[in-house]
């Protein structure tokens, strides 16, 4: 043992004094350890604890950035980004920055579902919103109960998007419609027929697609309950470019008004041929390209006196409406769509408002706050019914009816924001 200690010690000691030498070494080691521990403790006490920065609030936008509806999808993205920037400039929410993450649906259900899953699983968004096509939305819907992410639908109109909330609340309580649904779109058309032009005989002419057929199934009984007769129905193929035969059928039935839902590029073609056919019946577009000022100006006289429904317009629907239009056009250099972008803009604010009131990004708490929403946006006053769709009535959301005259649009209904009387001068 003594030999071992001699080898370990850096100095020579006499065996009789081994015990004393070892004791001094041990004591020295203990002193060093105590000093080091004390220094570390002092450092920890004097150094402030670094608290991790709070996680950003992540909003996931689903919108078509490629494909036939890319232009509208870009408007949705621009409006959403404008809302996020405004919120962050005002301090964010819950001390956090709001981040917008956008994924392209291409207007395709399979692509849209994949985009939604990436937002949920990879990006881990706190709220999912957007969607232009109802087909995309309905493809995503079955996944919502599995992942329990609040899903705010700002554009897609299919009524069945929110009906599962009533039949299976526990699974579908996360779904909300900040859009207008097909029933609300139909009610706006009914207002045109019965209140604006007082028609009694109506022809329904729309592209052969799910959206127009769904609308007809809703609008027909609504009109008939008000004493209006449907004198004809036609669904030209979406690829149609010559509507001569269909317009001849309209002439033969001699309606008081025509309702149309040309949903794509066929809309302007149909409107031009309708004008050239000299049909003496006011026409109202329930959706599609005829709500675009660019389209109206390109059509020239062929767009004159065409009526169409809008979610909002450059009139003071609320104190926020005109500010939205001014800021949007100044920032992006083009006009609002009057529906898709402004509703998506409001949806961002509604989501953030719910997170603020919930004081949490926990899904069930956000849902509980959303159900108590009473928010005045750029489009109107938002509150949700039991199906989680927006309440549709005066004082809340009710849309408006506009008409083109020489490339400029004017509101003709409702009376609260009416800018001029409706005209149909063609004979």
Protein backbone atom coordinates (compact mmCIF):
# COMPACT_ATOMS: atom_id res chain seq x y z
CA UNK A 1 0.00 0.00 0.00
CA UNK A 2 2.80 2.39 0.95
CA UNK A 3 4.51 1.87 -2.37
CA UNK A 4 1.34 2.73 -4.23
CA UNK A 5 0.89 6.01 -2.35
CA UNK A 6 4.52 6.90 -3.01
CA UNK A 7 3.94 6.47 -6.75
CA UNK A 8 0.83 8.63 -6.69
CA UNK A 9 2.24 11.52 -4.72
CA UNK A 10 4.21 14.18 -6.63
CA UNK A 11 6.66 14.60 -3.79
CA UNK A 12 8.65 12.32 -1.61
CA UNK A 13 7.41 11.54 1.91
CA UNK A 14 8.77 9.46 4.68
CA UNK A 15 6.72 6.40 5.58
CA UNK A 16 6.24 7.46 9.18
CA UNK A 17 4.56 10.60 7.99
CA UNK A 18 2.40 8.90 5.31
CA UNK A 19 -0.85 9.30 7.21
CA UNK A 20 -0.29 12.99 7.80
CA UNK A 21 0.67 13.61 4.12
CA UNK A 22 -2.38 11.77 2.81
CA UNK A 23 -4.64 13.77 5.10
CA UNK A 24 -3.19 17.03 3.76
CA UNK A 25 -3.78 15.93 0.14
CA UNK A 26 -7.35 14.91 0.84
CA UNK A 27 -8.00 18.18 2.60
CA UNK A 28 -6.58 20.10 -0.32
CA UNK A 29 -8.81 18.27 -2.76
CA UNK A 30 -11.87 18.94 -0.63
CA UNK A 31 -11.03 22.64 -0.46
CA UNK A 32 -10.69 22.82 -4.25
CA UNK A 33 -14.03 21.04 -4.76
CA UNK A 34 -15.77 23.35 -2.30
CA UNK A 35 -14.36 26.44 -4.02
CA UNK A 36 -15.45 25.21 -7.48
CA UNK A 37 -18.95 24.31 -6.28
CA UNK A 38 -19.29 27.68 -4.56
CA UNK A 39 -18.18 29.46 -7.73
CA UNK A 40 -20.72 27.56 -9.83
CA UNK A 41 -23.47 28.29 -7.33
CA UNK A 42 -22.61 31.97 -7.31
CA UNK A 43 -22.66 32.05 -11.13
CA UNK A 44 -26.09 30.42 -11.24
CA UNK A 45 -27.47 32.83 -8.65
CA UNK A 46 -26.06 35.92 -10.33
CA UNK A 47 -26.82 34.90 -13.92
CA UNK A 48 -30.47 35.59 -15.01
CA UNK A 49 -32.47 32.50 -16.06
CA UNK A 50 -33.08 32.48 -19.82
CA UNK A 51 -36.79 31.89 -20.54
CA UNK A 52 -37.47 30.37 -23.99
CA UNK A 53 -39.27 32.73 -26.34
CA UNK A 54 -42.98 31.84 -26.70
CA UNK A 55 -43.89 29.77 -29.74
CA UNK A 56 -45.34 31.69 -32.68
CA UNK A 57 -49.06 31.38 -33.35
CA UNK A 58 -49.18 29.54 -36.67
CA UNK A 59 -52.08 29.91 -39.09
CA UNK A 60 -52.23 27.52 -42.05
CA UNK A 61 -53.83 28.83 -45.25
CA UNK A 62 -55.10 26.43 -47.94
CA UNK A 63 -55.58 28.17 -51.29
CA UNK A 64 -55.16 27.43 -55.02
CA UNK A 65 -51.92 29.06 -56.14
CA UNK A 66 -51.77 27.02 -59.34
CA UNK A 67 -54.50 25.85 -61.71
CA UNK A 68 -57.65 27.52 -62.99
CA UNK A 69 -58.31 29.50 -59.81
CA UNK A 70 -54.75 30.63 -59.09
CA UNK A 71 -55.57 34.33 -59.49
CA UNK A 72 -58.30 34.16 -56.87
CA UNK A 73 -56.11 31.98 -54.65
CA UNK A 74 -53.37 34.60 -54.76
CA UNK A 75 -55.89 37.26 -53.70
CA UNK A 76 -56.81 35.07 -50.71
CA UNK A 77 -53.14 34.73 -49.77
CA UNK A 78 -52.50 38.47 -50.13
CA UNK A 79 -55.49 39.35 -47.96
CA UNK A 80 -54.45 36.85 -45.29
CA UNK A 81 -50.89 38.19 -45.23
CA UNK A 82 -52.18 41.75 -44.93
CA UNK A 83 -54.26 40.78 -41.91
CA UNK A 84 -51.33 38.94 -40.28
CA UNK A 85 -49.02 41.92 -40.82
CA UNK A 86 -51.58 44.31 -39.31
CA UNK A 87 -51.99 42.07 -36.27
CA UNK A 88 -48.24 41.77 -35.73
CA UNK A 89 -47.78 45.52 -36.14
CA UNK A 90 -50.32 45.92 -33.32
CA UNK A 91 -48.35 43.56 -31.04
CA UNK A 92 -49.44 40.08 -32.13
CA UNK A 93 -51.52 37.93 -29.79
CA UNK A 94 -50.78 36.58 -26.30
CA UNK A 95 -47.31 38.12 -26.56
CA UNK A 96 -46.59 36.03 -29.63
CA UNK A 97 -46.01 36.75 -33.29
CA UNK A 98 -48.58 35.44 -35.77
CA UNK A 99 -47.08 33.48 -38.69
CA UNK A 100 -48.89 32.65 -41.93
CA UNK A 101 -47.98 29.36 -43.61
CA UNK A 102 -49.55 28.85 -47.05
CA UNK A 103 -49.86 25.63 -49.03
CA UNK A 104 -51.21 25.23 -52.55
CA UNK A 105 -54.33 23.11 -53.11
CA UNK A 106 -54.30 23.60 -56.92
CA UNK A 107 -58.10 23.42 -56.64
CA UNK A 108 -57.74 19.62 -56.53
CA UNK A 109 -59.16 17.47 -53.68
CA UNK A 110 -56.21 15.07 -53.49
CA UNK A 111 -53.64 17.86 -53.63
CA UNK A 112 -55.66 19.87 -51.12
CA UNK A 113 -55.83 17.00 -48.64
CA UNK A 114 -52.08 16.47 -48.89
CA UNK A 115 -51.50 20.19 -48.31
CA UNK A 116 -53.77 20.16 -45.26
CA UNK A 117 -51.97 17.17 -43.73
CA UNK A 118 -48.61 18.88 -44.23
CA UNK A 119 -49.88 22.00 -42.48
CA UNK A 120 -51.18 19.91 -39.58
CA UNK A 121 -48.41 17.33 -39.21
CA UNK A 122 -45.29 19.06 -40.52
CA UNK A 123 -45.98 22.74 -39.86
CA UNK A 124 -48.06 22.05 -36.72
CA UNK A 125 -50.40 24.98 -37.30
CA UNK A 126 -52.78 26.04 -34.54
CA UNK A 127 -55.59 26.95 -36.94
CA UNK A 128 -56.35 25.77 -40.48
CA UNK A 129 -58.30 28.10 -42.79
CA UNK A 130 -59.11 29.09 -46.36
CA UNK A 131 -60.08 26.60 -49.13
CA UNK A 132 -61.63 27.86 -52.35
CA UNK A 133 -63.14 24.68 -53.83
CA UNK A 134 -65.85 22.81 -51.93
CA UNK A 135 -64.46 19.56 -53.33
CA UNK A 136 -61.14 20.28 -51.61
CA UNK A 137 -62.84 21.19 -48.35
CA UNK A 138 -64.98 18.05 -48.32
CA UNK A 139 -61.87 15.92 -48.93
CA UNK A 140 -60.19 17.44 -45.87
CA UNK A 141 -63.23 17.30 -43.59
CA UNK A 142 -62.99 13.61 -42.51
CA UNK A 143 -59.46 14.23 -41.15
CA UNK A 144 -60.48 17.02 -38.80
CA UNK A 145 -61.86 14.73 -36.03
CA UNK A 146 -58.59 12.79 -36.07
CA UNK A 147 -56.29 15.79 -35.64
CA UNK A 148 -58.64 18.16 -33.80
CA UNK A 149 -57.40 21.36 -35.46
CA UNK A 150 -59.84 24.29 -35.71
CA UNK A 151 -60.76 24.62 -39.40
CA UNK A 152 -62.25 27.94 -40.57
CA UNK A 153 -63.64 27.73 -44.11
CA UNK A 154 -63.53 31.22 -45.60
CA UNK A 155 -64.67 30.63 -49.20
CA UNK A 156 -66.05 27.14 -50.09
CA UNK A 157 -69.85 27.32 -50.14
CA UNK A 158 -71.16 23.72 -49.99
CA UNK A 159 -73.80 23.58 -47.27
CA UNK A 160 -72.71 20.07 -46.21
CA UNK A 161 -69.36 21.42 -44.98
CA UNK A 162 -70.90 22.47 -41.67
CA UNK A 163 -73.91 20.16 -41.36
CA UNK A 164 -71.79 17.44 -39.62
CA UNK A 165 -71.45 19.85 -36.69
CA UNK A 166 -75.13 19.26 -35.94
CA UNK A 167 -75.10 15.48 -36.41
CA UNK A 168 -71.73 14.69 -34.81
CA UNK A 169 -70.74 17.64 -32.67
CA UNK A 170 -67.92 16.02 -30.69
CA UNK A 171 -66.02 15.13 -33.85
CA UNK A 172 -66.85 18.13 -36.03
CA UNK A 173 -67.05 20.97 -33.52
CA UNK A 174 -63.69 22.16 -34.89
CA UNK A 175 -65.27 23.18 -38.23
CA UNK A 176 -66.57 26.73 -38.76
CA UNK A 177 -67.81 28.53 -41.87
CA UNK A 178 -66.76 32.16 -42.16
CA UNK A 179 -67.80 31.93 -45.83
CA UNK A 180 -71.32 32.29 -47.19
CA UNK A 181 -72.95 28.92 -47.81
CA UNK A 182 -75.05 27.85 -50.79
CA UNK A 183 -78.29 28.66 -48.99
CA UNK A 184 -77.09 32.21 -48.35
CA UNK A 185 -75.97 32.58 -51.98
CA UNK A 186 -79.41 31.38 -53.06
CA UNK A 187 -81.16 33.83 -50.72
CA UNK A 188 -79.25 36.68 -52.35
CA UNK A 189 -80.46 35.51 -55.79
CA UNK A 190 -84.02 35.28 -54.49
CA UNK A 191 -83.74 38.87 -53.26
CA UNK A 192 -82.74 39.92 -56.78
CA UNK A 193 -85.68 38.12 -58.37
CA UNK A 194 -88.37 39.15 -55.89
CA UNK A 195 -87.20 42.51 -54.51
CA UNK A 196 -85.01 44.08 -57.18
CA UNK A 197 -86.81 43.14 -60.43
CA UNK A 198 -90.09 41.65 -59.20
CA UNK A 199 -89.85 38.69 -61.59
CA UNK A 200 -92.49 35.94 -61.71
CA UNK A 201 -90.94 33.71 -64.38
CA UNK A 202 -87.27 32.70 -64.13
CA UNK A 203 -84.90 30.70 -66.33
CA UNK A 204 -81.94 29.00 -64.59
CA UNK A 205 -78.84 28.68 -66.84
CA UNK A 206 -75.60 27.43 -65.31
CA UNK A 207 -72.48 25.44 -66.01
CA UNK A 208 -72.68 21.69 -65.51
CA UNK A 209 -70.90 21.45 -62.16
CA UNK A 210 -71.67 20.58 -58.54
CA UNK A 211 -71.86 24.18 -57.30
CA UNK A 212 -74.58 25.32 -59.78
CA UNK A 213 -76.62 22.13 -59.36
CA UNK A 214 -76.50 22.46 -55.58
CA UNK A 215 -77.60 26.09 -55.89
CA UNK A 216 -80.54 25.19 -58.11
CA UNK A 217 -81.74 22.56 -55.63
CA UNK A 218 -81.89 25.31 -53.00
CA UNK A 219 -83.12 28.27 -55.05
CA UNK A 220 -86.00 26.44 -56.76
CA UNK A 221 -88.16 25.82 -53.65
CA UNK A 222 -87.28 29.25 -52.28
CA UNK A 223 -88.54 30.95 -55.44
CA UNK A 224 -91.62 28.74 -55.73
CA UNK A 225 -92.55 29.51 -52.12
CA UNK A 226 -92.64 33.17 -53.17
CA UNK A 227 -94.88 32.56 -56.18
CA UNK A 228 -92.09 32.49 -58.79
CA UNK A 229 -92.19 29.88 -61.57
CA UNK A 230 -89.07 28.23 -62.98
CA UNK A 231 -89.76 28.19 -66.75
CA UNK A 232 -86.53 26.47 -67.82
CA UNK A 233 -83.28 24.90 -66.60
CA UNK A 234 -80.14 24.21 -68.62
CA UNK A 235 -76.59 23.07 -67.76
CA UNK A 236 -74.19 23.68 -70.67
CA UNK A 237 -70.86 21.81 -70.41
CA UNK A 238 -68.14 23.76 -68.64
CA UNK A 239 -66.11 23.57 -71.84
CA UNK A 240 -68.87 25.19 -73.93
CA UNK A 241 -67.94 28.24 -76.03
CA UNK A 242 -71.06 28.50 -78.18
CA UNK A 243 -74.29 29.09 -76.27
CA UNK A 244 -76.53 29.80 -79.27
CA UNK A 245 -78.80 26.78 -78.74
CA UNK A 246 -79.14 27.42 -75.02
CA UNK A 247 -79.94 31.10 -75.50
CA UNK A 248 -82.62 30.21 -78.04
CA UNK A 249 -84.34 28.13 -75.34
CA UNK A 250 -84.26 31.15 -73.05
CA UNK A 251 -85.92 33.29 -75.74
CA UNK A 252 -88.63 30.71 -76.32
CA UNK A 253 -89.65 30.65 -72.64
CA UNK A 254 -89.72 34.48 -72.39
CA UNK A 255 -88.68 34.75 -68.71
CA UNK A 256 -88.80 37.89 -66.56
CA UNK A 257 -85.25 37.20 -65.34
CA UNK A 258 -82.35 34.78 -65.81
CA UNK A 259 -80.16 33.33 -63.06
CA UNK A 260 -76.72 32.08 -64.07
CA UNK A 261 -73.75 30.46 -62.37
CA UNK A 262 -71.02 30.19 -64.98
CA UNK A 263 -68.16 29.33 -62.61
CA UNK A 264 -65.08 29.63 -64.80
CA UNK A 265 -63.81 31.13 -68.05
CA UNK A 266 -67.15 30.37 -69.71
CA UNK A 267 -68.81 33.19 -67.77
CA UNK A 268 -67.55 36.15 -69.84
CA UNK A 269 -68.19 34.23 -73.08
CA UNK A 270 -71.75 33.49 -72.01
CA UNK A 271 -72.35 37.10 -70.91
CA UNK A 272 -71.14 38.46 -74.25
CA UNK A 273 -73.37 36.10 -76.23
CA UNK A 274 -76.31 36.85 -73.93
CA UNK A 275 -75.88 40.56 -74.66
CA UNK A 276 -75.63 39.94 -78.41
CA UNK A 277 -78.75 37.76 -78.40
CA UNK A 278 -80.86 40.79 -77.34
CA UNK A 279 -82.80 38.78 -74.76
CA UNK A 280 -85.09 41.20 -72.94
CA UNK A 281 -84.63 39.71 -69.47
CA UNK A 282 -82.40 41.00 -66.65
CA UNK A 283 -79.60 38.56 -65.84
CA UNK A 284 -78.05 37.89 -62.45
CA UNK A 285 -74.83 35.92 -61.90
CA UNK A 286 -74.79 33.88 -58.70
CA UNK A 287 -71.03 33.34 -58.86
CA UNK A 288 -68.04 33.32 -61.17
CA UNK A 289 -65.98 35.83 -63.12
CA UNK A 290 -68.71 38.42 -63.73
CA UNK A 291 -68.05 39.94 -60.31
CA UNK A 292 -64.60 41.09 -61.46
CA UNK A 293 -64.18 44.70 -62.58
CA UNK A 294 -61.35 43.67 -64.90
CA UNK A 295 -63.73 41.24 -66.61
CA UNK A 296 -66.48 43.86 -66.83
CA UNK A 297 -64.19 46.38 -68.47
CA UNK A 298 -62.88 43.80 -70.92
CA UNK A 299 -66.46 42.96 -71.91
CA UNK A 300 -67.35 46.62 -72.46
CA UNK A 301 -71.03 47.12 -73.31
CA UNK A 302 -71.67 43.38 -72.92
CA UNK A 303 -71.30 43.72 -69.15
CA UNK A 304 -73.64 46.71 -68.88
CA UNK A 305 -76.49 46.23 -66.42
CA UNK A 306 -75.41 42.69 -65.54
CA UNK A 307 -76.17 42.10 -61.85
CA UNK A 308 -74.20 39.90 -59.46
CA UNK A 309 -73.87 39.08 -55.78
CA UNK A 310 -71.00 40.26 -53.59
CA UNK A 311 -70.01 39.70 -49.98
CA UNK A 312 -68.83 43.32 -49.72
CA UNK A 313 -68.22 46.46 -51.79
CA UNK A 314 -66.53 49.83 -51.57
CA UNK A 315 -69.28 51.18 -49.36
CA UNK A 316 -69.23 51.65 -45.58
CA UNK A 317 -70.81 48.33 -44.60
CA UNK A 318 -68.79 48.62 -41.36
CA UNK A 319 -66.14 51.12 -40.21
CA UNK A 320 -63.51 48.64 -41.48
CA UNK A 321 -64.79 48.08 -45.02
CA UNK A 322 -63.39 51.06 -46.90
CA UNK A 323 -60.08 50.77 -45.06
CA UNK A 324 -59.72 47.17 -46.27
CA UNK A 325 -60.27 48.16 -49.91
CA UNK A 326 -57.93 51.14 -49.69
CA UNK A 327 -55.11 49.18 -48.04
CA UNK A 328 -55.51 46.11 -50.25
CA UNK A 329 -55.39 47.99 -53.54
CA UNK A 330 -52.58 50.28 -52.38
CA UNK A 331 -50.44 47.36 -51.24
CA UNK A 332 -51.06 44.85 -54.04
CA UNK A 333 -51.98 47.05 -56.99
CA UNK A 334 -55.18 45.29 -58.02
CA UNK A 335 -58.84 45.29 -57.02
CA UNK A 336 -60.40 43.03 -54.43
CA UNK A 337 -62.59 40.12 -55.56
CA UNK A 338 -65.29 41.40 -53.16
CA UNK A 339 -65.69 37.95 -51.65
CA UNK A 340 -62.80 35.49 -51.49
CA UNK A 341 -60.11 37.86 -50.27
CA UNK A 342 -62.16 40.02 -47.90
CA UNK A 343 -63.74 36.99 -46.22
CA UNK A 344 -60.30 35.39 -45.84
CA UNK A 345 -58.98 38.65 -44.38
CA UNK A 346 -61.77 38.70 -41.81
CA UNK A 347 -61.17 35.02 -41.04
CA UNK A 348 -57.61 35.73 -39.87
CA UNK A 349 -58.92 38.34 -37.45
CA UNK A 350 -61.69 36.03 -36.22
CA UNK A 351 -59.18 33.25 -35.51
CA UNK A 352 -56.80 35.57 -33.67
CA UNK A 353 -59.68 37.16 -31.75
CA UNK A 354 -60.73 33.69 -30.54
CA UNK A 355 -57.17 32.79 -29.51
CA UNK A 356 -56.94 36.05 -27.57
CA UNK A 357 -60.24 35.47 -25.77
CA UNK A 358 -59.33 31.83 -25.10
CA UNK A 359 -55.93 32.95 -23.79
CA UNK A 360 -54.67 29.73 -25.34
CA UNK A 361 -53.83 27.90 -28.56
CA UNK A 362 -55.33 24.69 -27.21
CA UNK A 363 -57.89 23.49 -29.83
CA UNK A 364 -60.91 22.94 -27.58
CA UNK A 365 -60.43 26.32 -25.93
CA UNK A 366 -60.24 28.02 -29.34
CA UNK A 367 -63.46 26.24 -30.36
CA UNK A 368 -65.21 27.40 -27.21
CA UNK A 369 -64.15 30.99 -27.90
CA UNK A 370 -65.16 30.78 -31.57
CA UNK A 371 -68.67 29.69 -30.57
CA UNK A 372 -68.99 32.94 -28.61
CA UNK A 373 -67.72 35.11 -31.50
CA UNK A 374 -69.31 38.51 -31.96
CA UNK A 375 -66.88 40.26 -34.26
CA UNK A 376 -67.32 43.20 -36.62
CA UNK A 377 -65.09 42.70 -39.65
CA UNK A 378 -64.70 44.37 -43.02
CA UNK A 379 -67.63 42.34 -44.43
CA UNK A 380 -70.04 42.76 -41.57
CA UNK A 381 -70.84 41.38 -38.14
CA UNK A 382 -69.82 37.75 -37.57
CA UNK A 383 -71.50 35.34 -35.18
CA UNK A 384 -72.04 31.58 -35.55
CA UNK A 385 -75.23 29.54 -35.40
CA UNK A 386 -75.46 25.97 -34.03
CA UNK A 387 -74.06 24.53 -37.27
CA UNK A 388 -71.06 26.88 -36.94
CA UNK A 389 -72.08 28.83 -40.03
CA UNK A 390 -72.29 32.61 -39.99
CA UNK A 391 -75.62 34.17 -39.09
CA UNK A 392 -77.24 35.64 -42.21
CA UNK A 393 -79.61 38.55 -41.63
CA UNK A 394 -79.69 42.35 -41.53
CA UNK A 395 -77.26 43.68 -38.96
CA UNK A 396 -74.94 40.70 -39.42
CA UNK A 397 -73.90 39.32 -42.82
CA UNK A 398 -76.30 39.52 -45.76
CA UNK A 399 -74.23 40.33 -48.83
CA UNK A 400 -75.21 42.83 -51.49
CA UNK A 401 -76.31 42.97 -55.13
CA UNK A 402 -74.31 45.09 -57.55
CA UNK A 403 -74.64 46.03 -61.21
CA UNK A 404 -72.09 47.06 -63.85
CA UNK A 405 -72.65 50.32 -65.70
CA UNK A 406 -69.94 51.38 -68.15
CA UNK A 407 -67.33 49.29 -66.35
CA UNK A 408 -68.10 50.64 -62.88
CA UNK A 409 -70.05 48.76 -60.23
CA UNK A 410 -72.91 50.11 -58.12
CA UNK A 411 -74.84 48.55 -55.24
CA UNK A 412 -78.56 48.25 -56.03
CA UNK A 413 -79.57 46.22 -52.92
CA UNK A 414 -80.00 46.36 -49.92
CA UNK A 415 -81.33 49.83 -49.26
CA UNK A 416 -78.87 50.57 -46.41
CA UNK A 417 -75.92 50.69 -48.82
CA UNK A 418 -77.75 51.22 -52.14
CA UNK A 419 -75.92 53.52 -54.57
CA UNK A 420 -78.35 53.63 -57.50
CA UNK A 421 -81.55 52.05 -58.81
CA UNK A 422 -81.33 48.86 -60.84
CA UNK A 423 -81.68 49.26 -64.61
CA UNK A 424 -82.32 46.93 -67.55
CA UNK A 425 -82.59 49.16 -70.64
CA UNK A 426 -82.19 46.51 -73.37
CA UNK A 427 -85.30 45.71 -75.39
